[in-house]
């Protein structure tokens, strides 16, 4: 049986996270979950395209007593660096009108 020590301190950056085994394990778990769910596909970068950078977000999950349940690492993109017309043509955010929500709930 192997045990890993959980951390109560959330690192602010990757450099701070890689010095603790619990955060390395949390990042590996996130990558394994991406692989399991077939989330991404490695492709060559197109010419003249900006590559969107990634960032790790670290969160300590607590129970109702304030004890550490697990250390969670999430890999997110820095999509705010994209420019409309250059990196994408249009965006879509599904938003329901209030009338549609009322009909659905009725």
PDB file of N, CA and C in Angstrom:
ATOM      1  N   UNK A   1       0.858  -1.173   0.000  1.00  0.00           N
ATOM      2  CA  UNK A   1       0.000   0.000   0.000  1.00  0.00           C
ATOM      3  C   UNK A   1       0.896   1.225   0.000  1.00  0.00           C
ATOM      4  N   UNK A   2       0.635   2.149  -0.924  1.00  0.00           N
ATOM      5  CA  UNK A   2       1.433   3.373  -0.956  1.00  0.00           C
ATOM      6  C   UNK A   2       0.571   4.548  -0.527  1.00  0.00           C
ATOM      7  N   UNK A   3       1.161   5.432   0.213  1.00  0.00           N
ATOM      8  CA  UNK A   3       0.478   6.617   0.688  1.00  0.00           C
ATOM      9  C   UNK A   3       1.218   7.840   0.174  1.00  0.00           C
ATOM     10  N   UNK A   4       0.479   8.847  -0.208  1.00  0.00           N
ATOM     11  CA  UNK A   4       1.130  10.104  -0.573  1.00  0.00           C
ATOM     12  C   UNK A   4       0.661  11.170   0.400  1.00  0.00           C
ATOM     13  N   UNK A   5       1.570  12.008   0.766  1.00  0.00           N
ATOM     14  CA  UNK A   5       1.247  13.090   1.687  1.00  0.00           C
ATOM     15  C   UNK A   5       0.589  14.202   0.888  1.00  0.00           C
ATOM     16  N   UNK A   6      -0.551  14.682   1.354  1.00  0.00           N
ATOM     17  CA  UNK A   6      -1.267  15.748   0.679  1.00  0.00           C
ATOM     18  C   UNK A   6      -0.823  17.086   1.233  1.00  0.00           C
ATOM     19  N   UNK A   7      -0.875  18.088   0.380  1.00  0.00           N
ATOM     20  CA  UNK A   7      -0.431  19.419   0.772  1.00  0.00           C
ATOM     21  C   UNK A   7      -1.623  20.322   1.018  1.00  0.00           C
ATOM     22  N   UNK A   8      -1.535  21.182   2.025  1.00  0.00           N
ATOM     23  CA  UNK A   8      -2.569  22.184   2.275  1.00  0.00           C
ATOM     24  C   UNK A   8      -2.253  23.496   1.570  1.00  0.00           C
ATOM     25  N   UNK A   9      -1.064  23.594   0.983  1.00  0.00           N
ATOM     26  CA  UNK A   9      -0.624  24.827   0.324  1.00  0.00           C
ATOM     27  C   UNK A   9      -0.812  24.683  -1.179  1.00  0.00           C
ATOM     28  N   UNK A  10      -1.517  25.645  -1.787  1.00  0.00           N
ATOM     29  CA  UNK A  10      -1.717  25.642  -3.231  1.00  0.00           C
ATOM     30  C   UNK A  10      -0.574  26.399  -3.895  1.00  0.00           C
ATOM     31  N   UNK A  11       0.205  25.724  -4.748  1.00  0.00           N
ATOM     32  CA  UNK A  11       1.281  26.429  -5.437  1.00  0.00           C
ATOM     33  C   UNK A  11       0.717  27.430  -6.434  1.00  0.00           C
ATOM     34  N   UNK A  12       1.443  28.504  -6.646  1.00  0.00           N
ATOM     35  CA  UNK A  12       0.991  29.550  -7.570  1.00  0.00           C
ATOM     36  C   UNK A  12       1.484  29.321  -8.991  1.00  0.00           C
ATOM     37  N   UNK A  13       2.530  28.514  -9.147  1.00  0.00           N
ATOM     38  CA  UNK A  13       3.068  28.274 -10.483  1.00  0.00           C
ATOM     39  C   UNK A  13       3.655  26.865 -10.574  1.00  0.00           C
ATOM     40  N   UNK A  14       4.008  26.484 -11.789  1.00  0.00           N
ATOM     41  CA  UNK A  14       4.533  25.150 -12.063  1.00  0.00           C
ATOM     42  C   UNK A  14       5.828  24.900 -11.302  1.00  0.00           C
ATOM     43  N   UNK A  15       6.677  25.902 -11.269  1.00  0.00           N
ATOM     44  CA  UNK A  15       7.979  25.772 -10.599  1.00  0.00           C
ATOM     45  C   UNK A  15       7.808  25.405  -9.123  1.00  0.00           C
ATOM     46  N   UNK A  16       6.811  25.989  -8.474  1.00  0.00           N
ATOM     47  CA  UNK A  16       6.540  25.681  -7.064  1.00  0.00           C
ATOM     48  C   UNK A  16       5.912  24.303  -6.895  1.00  0.00           C
ATOM     49  N   UNK A  17       5.155  23.862  -7.897  1.00  0.00           N
ATOM     50  CA  UNK A  17       4.433  22.591  -7.786  1.00  0.00           C
ATOM     51  C   UNK A  17       5.340  21.382  -7.962  1.00  0.00           C
ATOM     52  N   UNK A  18       6.330  21.483  -8.846  1.00  0.00           N
ATOM     53  CA  UNK A  18       7.135  20.301  -9.171  1.00  0.00           C
ATOM     54  C   UNK A  18       8.111  19.906  -8.069  1.00  0.00           C
ATOM     55  N   UNK A  19       8.183  20.676  -7.010  1.00  0.00           N
ATOM     56  CA  UNK A  19       9.070  20.286  -5.912  1.00  0.00           C
ATOM     57  C   UNK A  19       8.350  19.415  -4.880  1.00  0.00           C
ATOM     58  N   UNK A  20       7.031  19.214  -5.065  1.00  0.00           N
ATOM     59  CA  UNK A  20       6.262  18.382  -4.139  1.00  0.00           C
ATOM     60  C   UNK A  20       5.648  17.198  -4.887  1.00  0.00           C
ATOM     61  N   UNK A  21       5.869  16.009  -4.355  1.00  0.00           N
ATOM     62  CA  UNK A  21       5.378  14.783  -4.998  1.00  0.00           C
ATOM     63  C   UNK A  21       3.865  14.763  -5.166  1.00  0.00           C
ATOM     64  N   UNK A  22       3.128  15.315  -4.202  1.00  0.00           N
ATOM     65  CA  UNK A  22       1.664  15.264  -4.284  1.00  0.00           C
ATOM     66  C   UNK A  22       1.147  16.063  -5.477  1.00  0.00           C
ATOM     67  N   UNK A  23       1.798  17.177  -5.809  1.00  0.00           N
ATOM     68  CA  UNK A  23       1.355  17.977  -6.950  1.00  0.00           C
ATOM     69  C   UNK A  23       1.800  17.345  -8.269  1.00  0.00           C
ATOM     70  N   UNK A  24       2.961  16.703  -8.280  1.00  0.00           N
ATOM     71  CA  UNK A  24       3.391  15.973  -9.475  1.00  0.00           C
ATOM     72  C   UNK A  24       2.389  14.863  -9.773  1.00  0.00           C
ATOM     73  N   UNK A  25       1.963  14.146  -8.734  1.00  0.00           N
ATOM     74  CA  UNK A  25       0.972  13.082  -8.904  1.00  0.00           C
ATOM     75  C   UNK A  25      -0.358  13.646  -9.405  1.00  0.00           C
ATOM     76  N   UNK A  26      -0.776  14.789  -8.889  1.00  0.00           N
ATOM     77  CA  UNK A  26      -2.030  15.415  -9.326  1.00  0.00           C
ATOM     78  C   UNK A  26      -1.955  15.799 -10.802  1.00  0.00           C
ATOM     79  N   UNK A  27      -0.807  16.309 -11.247  1.00  0.00           N
ATOM     80  CA  UNK A  27      -0.642  16.667 -12.661  1.00  0.00           C
ATOM     81  C   UNK A  27      -0.633  15.417 -13.536  1.00  0.00           C
ATOM     82  N   UNK A  28       0.024  14.356 -13.078  1.00  0.00           N
ATOM     83  CA  UNK A  28       0.029  13.104 -13.832  1.00  0.00           C
ATOM     84  C   UNK A  28      -1.378  12.522 -13.935  1.00  0.00           C
ATOM     85  N   UNK A  29      -2.147  12.610 -12.861  1.00  0.00           N
ATOM     86  CA  UNK A  29      -3.535  12.134 -12.889  1.00  0.00           C
ATOM     87  C   UNK A  29      -4.353  12.893 -13.926  1.00  0.00           C
ATOM     88  N   UNK A  30      -4.156  14.202 -14.020  1.00  0.00           N
ATOM     89  CA  UNK A  30      -4.884  15.016 -15.001  1.00  0.00           C
ATOM     90  C   UNK A  30      -4.511  14.609 -16.427  1.00  0.00           C
ATOM     91  N   UNK A  31      -3.232  14.417 -16.691  1.00  0.00           N
ATOM     92  CA  UNK A  31      -2.785  14.000 -18.025  1.00  0.00           C
ATOM     93  C   UNK A  31      -3.328  12.608 -18.359  1.00  0.00           C
ATOM     94  N   UNK A  32      -3.293  11.687 -17.406  1.00  0.00           N
ATOM     95  CA  UNK A  32      -3.826  10.335 -17.638  1.00  0.00           C
ATOM     96  C   UNK A  32      -5.329  10.382 -17.923  1.00  0.00           C
ATOM     97  N   UNK A  33      -6.040  11.272 -17.258  1.00  0.00           N
ATOM     98  CA  UNK A  33      -7.481  11.409 -17.501  1.00  0.00           C
ATOM     99  C   UNK A  33      -7.739  11.944 -18.911  1.00  0.00           C
ATOM    100  N   UNK A  34      -6.922  12.891 -19.364  1.00  0.00           N
ATOM    101  CA  UNK A  34      -7.036  13.383 -20.742  1.00  0.00           C
ATOM    102  C   UNK A  34      -6.810  12.245 -21.732  1.00  0.00           C
ATOM    103  N   UNK A  35      -5.792  11.430 -21.478  1.00  0.00           N
ATOM    104  CA  UNK A  35      -5.518  10.296 -22.364  1.00  0.00           C
ATOM    105  C   UNK A  35      -6.669   9.292 -22.341  1.00  0.00           C
ATOM    106  N   UNK A  36      -7.177   9.001 -21.160  1.00  0.00           N
ATOM    107  CA  UNK A  36      -8.267   8.023 -21.023  1.00  0.00           C
ATOM    108  C   UNK A  36      -9.519   8.476 -21.774  1.00  0.00           C
ATOM    109  N   UNK A  37      -9.819   9.771 -21.704  1.00  0.00           N
ATOM    110  CA  UNK A  37     -11.016  10.305 -22.348  1.00  0.00           C
ATOM    111  C   UNK A  37     -10.775  10.715 -23.802  1.00  0.00           C
ATOM    112  N   UNK A  38      -9.557  10.500 -24.287  1.00  0.00           N
ATOM    113  CA  UNK A  38      -9.196  10.841 -25.666  1.00  0.00           C
ATOM    114  C   UNK A  38      -9.513  12.307 -25.972  1.00  0.00           C
ATOM    115  N   UNK A  39      -9.045  13.188 -25.083  1.00  0.00           N
ATOM    116  CA  UNK A  39      -9.360  14.614 -25.154  1.00  0.00           C
ATOM    117  C   UNK A  39      -8.580  15.326 -26.247  1.00  0.00           C
ATOM    118  N   UNK A  40      -7.362  14.916 -26.484  1.00  0.00           N
ATOM    119  CA  UNK A  40      -6.560  15.653 -27.445  1.00  0.00           C
ATOM    120  C   UNK A  40      -5.896  14.735 -28.447  1.00  0.00           C
ATOM    121  N   UNK A  41      -5.424  15.379 -29.515  1.00  0.00           N
ATOM    122  CA  UNK A  41      -4.720  14.673 -30.569  1.00  0.00           C
ATOM    123  C   UNK A  41      -3.523  15.537 -30.946  1.00  0.00           C
ATOM    124  N   UNK A  42      -2.362  14.943 -30.978  1.00  0.00           N
ATOM    125  CA  UNK A  42      -1.145  15.667 -31.309  1.00  0.00           C
ATOM    126  C   UNK A  42      -1.082  15.875 -32.817  1.00  0.00           C
ATOM    127  N   UNK A  43      -1.008  17.125 -33.239  1.00  0.00           N
ATOM    128  CA  UNK A  43      -0.938  17.470 -34.655  1.00  0.00           C
ATOM    129  C   UNK A  43       0.188  18.480 -34.852  1.00  0.00           C
ATOM    130  N   UNK A  44       0.749  18.535 -36.063  1.00  0.00           N
ATOM    131  CA  UNK A  44       1.781  19.547 -36.311  1.00  0.00           C
ATOM    132  C   UNK A  44       1.148  20.937 -36.343  1.00  0.00           C
ATOM    133  N   UNK A  45       1.858  21.944 -35.863  1.00  0.00           N
ATOM    134  CA  UNK A  45       1.280  23.296 -35.862  1.00  0.00           C
ATOM    135  C   UNK A  45       1.182  23.848 -37.283  1.00  0.00           C
ATOM    136  N   UNK A  46       0.062  24.488 -37.617  1.00  0.00           N
ATOM    137  CA  UNK A  46      -0.060  25.104 -38.942  1.00  0.00           C
ATOM    138  C   UNK A  46       0.869  26.315 -39.054  1.00  0.00           C
ATOM    139  N   UNK A  47       1.234  26.635 -40.291  1.00  0.00           N
ATOM    140  CA  UNK A  47       2.085  27.809 -40.527  1.00  0.00           C
ATOM    141  C   UNK A  47       1.358  29.080 -40.114  1.00  0.00           C
ATOM    142  N   UNK A  48       2.076  30.015 -39.582  1.00  0.00           N
ATOM    143  CA  UNK A  48       1.561  31.344 -39.208  1.00  0.00           C
ATOM    144  C   UNK A  48       0.433  31.276 -38.175  1.00  0.00           C
ATOM    145  N   UNK A  49       0.414  30.258 -37.358  1.00  0.00           N
ATOM    146  CA  UNK A  49      -0.630  30.165 -36.332  1.00  0.00           C
ATOM    147  C   UNK A  49      -0.002  30.373 -34.964  1.00  0.00           C
ATOM    148  N   UNK A  50      -0.720  31.089 -34.118  1.00  0.00           N
ATOM    149  CA  UNK A  50      -0.249  31.283 -32.759  1.00  0.00           C
ATOM    150  C   UNK A  50      -0.612  30.033 -31.950  1.00  0.00           C
ATOM    151  N   UNK A  51       0.351  29.496 -31.263  1.00  0.00           N
ATOM    152  CA  UNK A  51       0.109  28.347 -30.404  1.00  0.00           C
ATOM    153  C   UNK A  51      -0.384  28.877 -29.060  1.00  0.00           C
ATOM    154  N   UNK A  52      -1.518  28.366 -28.609  1.00  0.00           N
ATOM    155  CA  UNK A  52      -2.097  28.824 -27.342  1.00  0.00           C
ATOM    156  C   UNK A  52      -1.347  28.160 -26.195  1.00  0.00           C
ATOM    157  N   UNK A  53      -0.867  28.962 -25.290  1.00  0.00           N
ATOM    158  CA  UNK A  53      -0.102  28.452 -24.150  1.00  0.00           C
ATOM    159  C   UNK A  53      -1.026  27.765 -23.145  1.00  0.00           C
ATOM    160  N   UNK A  54      -0.437  26.904 -22.347  1.00  0.00           N
ATOM    161  CA  UNK A  54      -1.157  26.190 -21.297  1.00  0.00           C
ATOM    162  C   UNK A  54      -0.700  26.683 -19.936  1.00  0.00           C
ATOM    163  N   UNK A  55      -1.536  26.448 -18.948  1.00  0.00           N
ATOM    164  CA  UNK A  55      -1.197  26.827 -17.584  1.00  0.00           C
ATOM    165  C   UNK A  55      -1.804  25.803 -16.638  1.00  0.00           C
ATOM    166  N   UNK A  56      -1.068  25.482 -15.582  1.00  0.00           N
ATOM    167  CA  UNK A  56      -1.580  24.601 -14.545  1.00  0.00           C
ATOM    168  C   UNK A  56      -2.230  25.425 -13.455  1.00  0.00           C
ATOM    169  N   UNK A  57      -3.403  24.973 -13.007  1.00  0.00           N
ATOM    170  CA  UNK A  57      -4.108  25.576 -11.875  1.00  0.00           C
ATOM    171  C   UNK A  57      -4.155  24.517 -10.777  1.00  0.00           C
ATOM    172  N   UNK A  58      -3.815  24.911  -9.574  1.00  0.00           N
ATOM    173  CA  UNK A  58      -3.728  23.972  -8.456  1.00  0.00           C
ATOM    174  C   UNK A  58      -4.761  24.324  -7.399  1.00  0.00           C
ATOM    175  N   UNK A  59      -5.441  23.305  -6.885  1.00  0.00           N
ATOM    176  CA  UNK A  59      -6.486  23.526  -5.890  1.00  0.00           C
ATOM    177  C   UNK A  59      -6.443  22.403  -4.859  1.00  0.00           C
ATOM    178  N   UNK A  60      -6.552  22.781  -3.599  1.00  0.00           N
ATOM    179  CA  UNK A  60      -6.642  21.807  -2.511  1.00  0.00           C
ATOM    180  C   UNK A  60      -8.121  21.586  -2.221  1.00  0.00           C
ATOM    181  N   UNK A  61      -8.577  20.354  -2.339  1.00  0.00           N
ATOM    182  CA  UNK A  61      -9.969  20.006  -2.062  1.00  0.00           C
ATOM    183  C   UNK A  61     -10.088  19.591  -0.596  1.00  0.00           C
ATOM    184  N   UNK A  62     -10.993  20.249   0.123  1.00  0.00           N
ATOM    185  CA  UNK A  62     -11.177  19.995   1.554  1.00  0.00           C
ATOM    186  C   UNK A  62     -12.525  19.342   1.824  1.00  0.00           C
ATOM    187  N   UNK A  63     -12.613  18.602   2.923  1.00  0.00           N
ATOM    188  CA  UNK A  63     -13.903  18.064   3.342  1.00  0.00           C
ATOM    189  C   UNK A  63     -14.592  19.076   4.256  1.00  0.00           C
ATOM    190  N   UNK A  64     -15.737  18.690   4.805  1.00  0.00           N
ATOM    191  CA  UNK A  64     -16.520  19.625   5.621  1.00  0.00           C
ATOM    192  C   UNK A  64     -15.820  20.014   6.918  1.00  0.00           C
ATOM    193  N   UNK A  65     -14.794  19.262   7.307  1.00  0.00           N
ATOM    194  CA  UNK A  65     -14.057  19.562   8.544  1.00  0.00           C
ATOM    195  C   UNK A  65     -12.772  20.348   8.281  1.00  0.00           C
ATOM    196  N   UNK A  66     -12.499  20.630   7.019  1.00  0.00           N
ATOM    197  CA  UNK A  66     -11.288  21.365   6.673  1.00  0.00           C
ATOM    198  C   UNK A  66     -10.075  20.482   6.465  1.00  0.00           C
ATOM    199  N   UNK A  67     -10.286  19.169   6.467  1.00  0.00           N
ATOM    200  CA  UNK A  67      -9.185  18.239   6.211  1.00  0.00           C
ATOM    201  C   UNK A  67      -8.999  18.086   4.701  1.00  0.00           C
ATOM    202  N   UNK A  68      -7.773  17.868   4.278  1.00  0.00           N
ATOM    203  CA  UNK A  68      -7.466  17.744   2.857  1.00  0.00           C
ATOM    204  C   UNK A  68      -7.984  16.408   2.322  1.00  0.00           C
ATOM    205  N   UNK A  69      -8.835  16.485   1.281  1.00  0.00           N
ATOM    206  CA  UNK A  69      -9.309  15.280   0.597  1.00  0.00           C
ATOM    207  C   UNK A  69      -8.338  14.876  -0.502  1.00  0.00           C
ATOM    208  N   UNK A  70      -7.975  15.861  -1.333  1.00  0.00           N
ATOM    209  CA  UNK A  70      -7.050  15.582  -2.424  1.00  0.00           C
ATOM    210  C   UNK A  70      -6.487  16.880  -2.963  1.00  0.00           C
ATOM    211  N   UNK A  71      -5.403  16.745  -3.685  1.00  0.00           N
ATOM    212  CA  UNK A  71      -4.818  17.867  -4.401  1.00  0.00           C
ATOM    213  C   UNK A  71      -5.219  17.714  -5.858  1.00  0.00           C
ATOM    214  N   UNK A  72      -5.809  18.754  -6.420  1.00  0.00           N
ATOM    215  CA  UNK A  72      -6.319  18.711  -7.788  1.00  0.00           C
ATOM    216  C   UNK A  72      -5.514  19.664  -8.656  1.00  0.00           C
ATOM    217  N   UNK A  73      -5.052  19.174  -9.789  1.00  0.00           N
ATOM    218  CA  UNK A  73      -4.356  20.003 -10.770  1.00  0.00           C
ATOM    219  C   UNK A  73      -5.187  20.008 -12.045  1.00  0.00           C
ATOM    220  N   UNK A  74      -5.394  21.189 -12.610  1.00  0.00           N
ATOM    221  CA  UNK A  74      -6.143  21.324 -13.862  1.00  0.00           C
ATOM    222  C   UNK A  74      -5.247  21.985 -14.896  1.00  0.00           C
ATOM    223  N   UNK A  75      -5.300  21.480 -16.112  1.00  0.00           N
ATOM    224  CA  UNK A  75      -4.550  22.056 -17.216  1.00  0.00           C
ATOM    225  C   UNK A  75      -5.512  22.890 -18.047  1.00  0.00           C
ATOM    226  N   UNK A  76      -5.229  24.182 -18.159  1.00  0.00           N
ATOM    227  CA  UNK A  76      -6.122  25.090 -18.879  1.00  0.00           C
ATOM    228  C   UNK A  76      -5.336  25.834 -19.956  1.00  0.00           C
ATOM    229  N   UNK A  77      -6.063  26.352 -20.937  1.00  0.00           N
ATOM    230  CA  UNK A  77      -5.428  27.140 -21.989  1.00  0.00           C
ATOM    231  C   UNK A  77      -5.573  28.620 -21.695  1.00  0.00           C
ATOM    232  N   UNK A  78      -4.649  29.371 -22.210  1.00  0.00           N
ATOM    233  CA  UNK A  78      -4.705  30.828 -22.076  1.00  0.00           C
ATOM    234  C   UNK A  78      -5.407  31.388 -23.317  1.00  0.00           C
ATOM    235  N   UNK A  79      -6.693  31.050 -23.453  1.00  0.00           N
ATOM    236  CA  UNK A  79      -7.466  31.440 -24.623  1.00  0.00           C
ATOM    237  C   UNK A  79      -7.664  32.930 -24.762  1.00  0.00           C
ATOM    238  N   UNK A  80      -7.469  33.670 -23.693  1.00  0.00           N
ATOM    239  CA  UNK A  80      -7.635  35.122 -23.746  1.00  0.00           C
ATOM    240  C   UNK A  80      -6.586  35.783 -24.638  1.00  0.00           C
ATOM    241  N   UNK A  81      -5.563  35.060 -25.033  1.00  0.00           N
ATOM    242  CA  UNK A  81      -4.525  35.629 -25.888  1.00  0.00           C
ATOM    243  C   UNK A  81      -4.883  35.545 -27.366  1.00  0.00           C
ATOM    244  N   UNK A  82      -5.999  34.904 -27.694  1.00  0.00           N
ATOM    245  CA  UNK A  82      -6.410  34.792 -29.085  1.00  0.00           C
ATOM    246  C   UNK A  82      -6.985  36.107 -29.585  1.00  0.00           C
ATOM    247  N   UNK A  83      -6.840  36.342 -30.888  1.00  0.00           N
ATOM    248  CA  UNK A  83      -7.388  37.542 -31.509  1.00  0.00           C
ATOM    249  C   UNK A  83      -8.394  37.128 -32.577  1.00  0.00           C
ATOM    250  N   UNK A  84      -9.592  37.716 -32.502  1.00  0.00           N
ATOM    251  CA  UNK A  84     -10.632  37.399 -33.476  1.00  0.00           C
ATOM    252  C   UNK A  84     -10.178  37.814 -34.867  1.00  0.00           C
ATOM    253  N   UNK A  85     -10.446  36.955 -35.843  1.00  0.00           N
ATOM    254  CA  UNK A  85     -10.040  37.210 -37.215  1.00  0.00           C
ATOM    255  C   UNK A  85      -8.654  36.683 -37.525  1.00  0.00           C
ATOM    256  N   UNK A  86      -7.825  36.562 -36.511  1.00  0.00           N
ATOM    257  CA  UNK A  86      -6.477  36.042 -36.704  1.00  0.00           C
ATOM    258  C   UNK A  86      -6.390  34.590 -36.237  1.00  0.00           C
ATOM    259  N   UNK A  87      -6.842  34.316 -35.034  1.00  0.00           N
ATOM    260  CA  UNK A  87      -6.768  32.974 -34.458  1.00  0.00           C
ATOM    261  C   UNK A  87      -8.085  32.207 -34.561  1.00  0.00           C
ATOM    262  N   UNK A  88      -9.181  32.910 -34.717  1.00  0.00           N
ATOM    263  CA  UNK A  88     -10.480  32.262 -34.892  1.00  0.00           C
ATOM    264  C   UNK A  88     -11.390  33.225 -35.640  1.00  0.00           C
ATOM    265  N   UNK A  89     -12.413  32.679 -36.292  1.00  0.00           N
ATOM    266  CA  UNK A  89     -13.320  33.501 -37.097  1.00  0.00           C
ATOM    267  C   UNK A  89     -14.541  33.952 -36.311  1.00  0.00           C
ATOM    268  N   UNK A  90     -15.112  33.065 -35.550  1.00  0.00           N
ATOM    269  CA  UNK A  90     -16.301  33.415 -34.778  1.00  0.00           C
ATOM    270  C   UNK A  90     -16.324  32.591 -33.503  1.00  0.00           C
ATOM    271  N   UNK A  91     -17.053  33.063 -32.539  1.00  0.00           N
ATOM    272  CA  UNK A  91     -17.186  32.303 -31.296  1.00  0.00           C
ATOM    273  C   UNK A  91     -18.662  32.043 -31.051  1.00  0.00           C
ATOM    274  N   UNK A  92     -18.934  31.010 -30.286  1.00  0.00           N
ATOM    275  CA  UNK A  92     -20.309  30.637 -29.993  1.00  0.00           C
ATOM    276  C   UNK A  92     -20.415  30.304 -28.520  1.00  0.00           C
ATOM    277  N   UNK A  93     -21.331  30.950 -27.857  1.00  0.00           N
ATOM    278  CA  UNK A  93     -21.606  30.649 -26.456  1.00  0.00           C
ATOM    279  C   UNK A  93     -23.107  30.430 -26.327  1.00  0.00           C
ATOM    280  N   UNK A  94     -23.532  29.181 -26.110  1.00  0.00           N
ATOM    281  CA  UNK A  94     -24.967  28.926 -26.017  1.00  0.00           C
ATOM    282  C   UNK A  94     -25.567  29.601 -24.782  1.00  0.00           C
ATOM    283  N   UNK A  95     -26.545  30.455 -25.038  1.00  0.00           N
ATOM    284  CA  UNK A  95     -27.214  31.179 -23.957  1.00  0.00           C
ATOM    285  C   UNK A  95     -28.714  31.001 -24.146  1.00  0.00           C
ATOM    286  N   UNK A  96     -29.368  30.541 -23.110  1.00  0.00           N
ATOM    287  CA  UNK A  96     -30.814  30.341 -23.181  1.00  0.00           C
ATOM    288  C   UNK A  96     -31.532  31.622 -22.776  1.00  0.00           C
ATOM    289  N   UNK A  97     -32.579  31.943 -23.527  1.00  0.00           N
ATOM    290  CA  UNK A  97     -33.398  33.098 -23.154  1.00  0.00           C
ATOM    291  C   UNK A  97     -34.256  32.721 -21.961  1.00  0.00           C
ATOM    292  N   UNK A  98     -34.660  33.701 -21.178  1.00  0.00           N
ATOM    293  CA  UNK A  98     -35.452  33.472 -19.976  1.00  0.00           C
ATOM    294  C   UNK A  98     -36.766  32.769 -20.310  1.00  0.00           C
ATOM    295  N   UNK A  99     -37.375  33.115 -21.448  1.00  0.00           N
ATOM    296  CA  UNK A  99     -38.631  32.481 -21.842  1.00  0.00           C
ATOM    297  C   UNK A  99     -38.439  30.983 -22.068  1.00  0.00           C
ATOM    298  N   UNK A 100     -37.330  30.606 -22.675  1.00  0.00           N
ATOM    299  CA  UNK A 100     -37.060  29.191 -22.944  1.00  0.00           C
ATOM    300  C   UNK A 100     -36.868  28.424 -21.640  1.00  0.00           C
ATOM    301  N   UNK A 101     -36.214  29.036 -20.684  1.00  0.00           N
ATOM    302  CA  UNK A 101     -36.013  28.383 -19.385  1.00  0.00           C
ATOM    303  C   UNK A 101     -37.346  28.193 -18.682  1.00  0.00           C
ATOM    304  N   UNK A 102     -38.219  29.196 -18.749  1.00  0.00           N
ATOM    305  CA  UNK A 102     -39.542  29.085 -18.118  1.00  0.00           C
ATOM    306  C   UNK A 102     -40.367  27.974 -18.751  1.00  0.00           C
ATOM    307  N   UNK A 103     -40.330  27.866 -20.071  1.00  0.00           N
ATOM    308  CA  UNK A 103     -41.071  26.810 -20.767  1.00  0.00           C
ATOM    309  C   UNK A 103     -40.528  25.446 -20.364  1.00  0.00           C
ATOM    310  N   UNK A 104     -39.215  25.336 -20.289  1.00  0.00           N
ATOM    311  CA  UNK A 104     -38.588  24.068 -19.927  1.00  0.00           C
ATOM    312  C   UNK A 104     -38.962  23.643 -18.509  1.00  0.00           C
ATOM    313  N   UNK A 105     -39.018  24.593 -17.591  1.00  0.00           N
ATOM    314  CA  UNK A 105     -39.322  24.284 -16.195  1.00  0.00           C
ATOM    315  C   UNK A 105     -40.811  24.081 -15.937  1.00  0.00           C
ATOM    316  N   UNK A 106     -41.675  24.546 -16.833  1.00  0.00           N
ATOM    317  CA  UNK A 106     -43.124  24.452 -16.625  1.00  0.00           C
ATOM    318  C   UNK A 106     -43.637  23.043 -16.775  1.00  0.00           C
TER     319      UNK A 106
END
